[in-house]
């Protein structure tokens, strides 16, 4: 499936905390965003 770049505005402190959270767990922020969208839409991967 092709990818698309998106631009989001997110609270800077919130983003920094989540970025560090993902880094500690070895997660990609972009994939976490994808998973959240899939859950919201009820899409199975």
N, C-alpha and C. Protein backbone atom coordinates (compact mmCIF):
# COMPACT_ATOMS: atom_id res chain seq x y z
N UNK A 1 0.85 -1.17 0.00
CA UNK A 1 0.00 0.00 0.00
C UNK A 1 0.89 1.24 0.00
N UNK A 2 0.63 2.21 -0.87
CA UNK A 2 1.44 3.41 -0.90
C UNK A 2 1.27 4.24 0.38
N UNK A 3 2.30 4.99 0.71
CA UNK A 3 2.27 5.85 1.89
C UNK A 3 1.98 7.28 1.49
N UNK A 4 1.52 8.06 2.46
CA UNK A 4 1.26 9.47 2.25
C UNK A 4 1.85 10.25 3.42
N UNK A 5 2.54 11.32 3.12
CA UNK A 5 3.05 12.20 4.17
C UNK A 5 1.93 13.15 4.59
N UNK A 6 1.83 13.39 5.89
CA UNK A 6 0.84 14.33 6.42
C UNK A 6 1.53 15.29 7.37
N UNK A 7 0.95 16.46 7.50
CA UNK A 7 1.45 17.46 8.44
C UNK A 7 0.39 17.66 9.51
N UNK A 8 0.80 17.56 10.76
CA UNK A 8 -0.12 17.70 11.89
C UNK A 8 0.37 18.78 12.83
N UNK A 9 -0.55 19.47 13.46
CA UNK A 9 -0.19 20.39 14.54
C UNK A 9 -0.54 19.71 15.86
N UNK A 10 0.47 19.53 16.70
CA UNK A 10 0.30 18.85 17.97
C UNK A 10 1.01 19.67 19.04
N UNK A 11 0.43 19.71 20.23
CA UNK A 11 1.06 20.40 21.34
C UNK A 11 2.51 19.91 21.48
N UNK A 12 3.43 20.83 21.53
CA UNK A 12 4.85 20.50 21.53
C UNK A 12 5.26 19.62 22.71
N UNK A 13 4.80 19.95 23.91
CA UNK A 13 5.14 19.15 25.08
C UNK A 13 4.56 17.75 24.98
N UNK A 14 3.34 17.64 24.52
CA UNK A 14 2.69 16.34 24.36
C UNK A 14 3.45 15.50 23.34
N UNK A 15 3.82 16.11 22.23
CA UNK A 15 4.57 15.40 21.20
C UNK A 15 5.91 14.90 21.74
N UNK A 16 6.62 15.77 22.45
CA UNK A 16 7.92 15.38 23.00
C UNK A 16 7.80 14.21 23.97
N UNK A 17 6.78 14.24 24.82
CA UNK A 17 6.56 13.14 25.76
C UNK A 17 6.24 11.84 25.02
N UNK A 18 5.39 11.93 24.00
CA UNK A 18 5.02 10.72 23.25
C UNK A 18 6.19 10.20 22.44
N UNK A 19 6.99 11.10 21.89
CA UNK A 19 8.17 10.71 21.14
C UNK A 19 9.12 9.92 22.03
N UNK A 20 9.33 10.40 23.25
CA UNK A 20 10.21 9.71 24.20
C UNK A 20 9.61 8.35 24.60
N UNK A 21 8.31 8.32 24.81
CA UNK A 21 7.60 7.08 25.14
C UNK A 21 7.82 6.04 24.04
N UNK A 22 7.63 6.45 22.79
CA UNK A 22 7.82 5.54 21.66
C UNK A 22 9.27 5.10 21.55
N UNK A 23 10.19 6.01 21.78
CA UNK A 23 11.61 5.67 21.69
C UNK A 23 11.97 4.59 22.72
N UNK A 24 11.49 4.75 23.95
CA UNK A 24 11.78 3.78 25.01
C UNK A 24 11.23 2.40 24.68
N UNK A 25 10.09 2.36 23.99
CA UNK A 25 9.44 1.10 23.66
C UNK A 25 9.82 0.57 22.28
N UNK A 26 10.67 1.32 21.58
CA UNK A 26 11.10 0.89 20.24
C UNK A 26 9.99 0.99 19.21
N UNK A 27 9.11 1.98 19.36
CA UNK A 27 7.98 2.16 18.46
C UNK A 27 8.21 3.32 17.51
N UNK A 28 7.56 3.27 16.36
CA UNK A 28 7.57 4.38 15.41
C UNK A 28 6.32 5.22 15.62
N UNK A 29 6.49 6.52 15.77
CA UNK A 29 5.34 7.39 15.98
C UNK A 29 4.35 7.28 14.83
N UNK A 30 4.85 7.24 13.61
CA UNK A 30 3.97 7.18 12.45
C UNK A 30 3.13 5.91 12.45
N UNK A 31 3.73 4.79 12.86
CA UNK A 31 2.97 3.52 12.91
C UNK A 31 1.94 3.57 14.02
N UNK A 32 2.25 4.20 15.13
CA UNK A 32 1.29 4.32 16.22
C UNK A 32 0.08 5.16 15.77
N UNK A 33 0.35 6.19 14.99
CA UNK A 33 -0.73 7.02 14.44
C UNK A 33 -1.60 6.19 13.50
N UNK A 34 -0.96 5.38 12.65
CA UNK A 34 -1.70 4.50 11.74
C UNK A 34 -2.60 3.53 12.51
N UNK A 35 -2.05 2.93 13.56
CA UNK A 35 -2.82 1.98 14.37
C UNK A 35 -4.02 2.67 14.98
N UNK A 36 -3.85 3.89 15.50
CA UNK A 36 -4.95 4.64 16.09
C UNK A 36 -6.06 4.88 15.05
N UNK A 37 -5.67 5.26 13.83
CA UNK A 37 -6.65 5.50 12.76
C UNK A 37 -7.39 4.20 12.42
N UNK A 38 -6.64 3.11 12.29
CA UNK A 38 -7.26 1.82 11.99
C UNK A 38 -8.26 1.42 13.06
N UNK A 39 -7.92 1.63 14.32
CA UNK A 39 -8.84 1.31 15.42
C UNK A 39 -10.09 2.18 15.35
N UNK A 40 -9.90 3.47 15.06
CA UNK A 40 -11.05 4.39 14.98
C UNK A 40 -11.99 4.00 13.84
N UNK A 41 -11.43 3.50 12.74
CA UNK A 41 -12.24 3.14 11.58
C UNK A 41 -12.71 1.69 11.61
N UNK A 42 -12.18 0.91 12.56
CA UNK A 42 -12.52 -0.50 12.62
C UNK A 42 -11.93 -1.30 11.47
N UNK A 43 -10.75 -0.86 11.00
CA UNK A 43 -10.07 -1.51 9.88
C UNK A 43 -9.14 -2.58 10.43
N UNK A 44 -9.17 -3.76 9.82
CA UNK A 44 -8.26 -4.83 10.20
C UNK A 44 -7.05 -4.79 9.28
N UNK A 45 -5.86 -4.98 9.88
CA UNK A 45 -4.65 -5.00 9.05
C UNK A 45 -4.26 -6.40 8.68
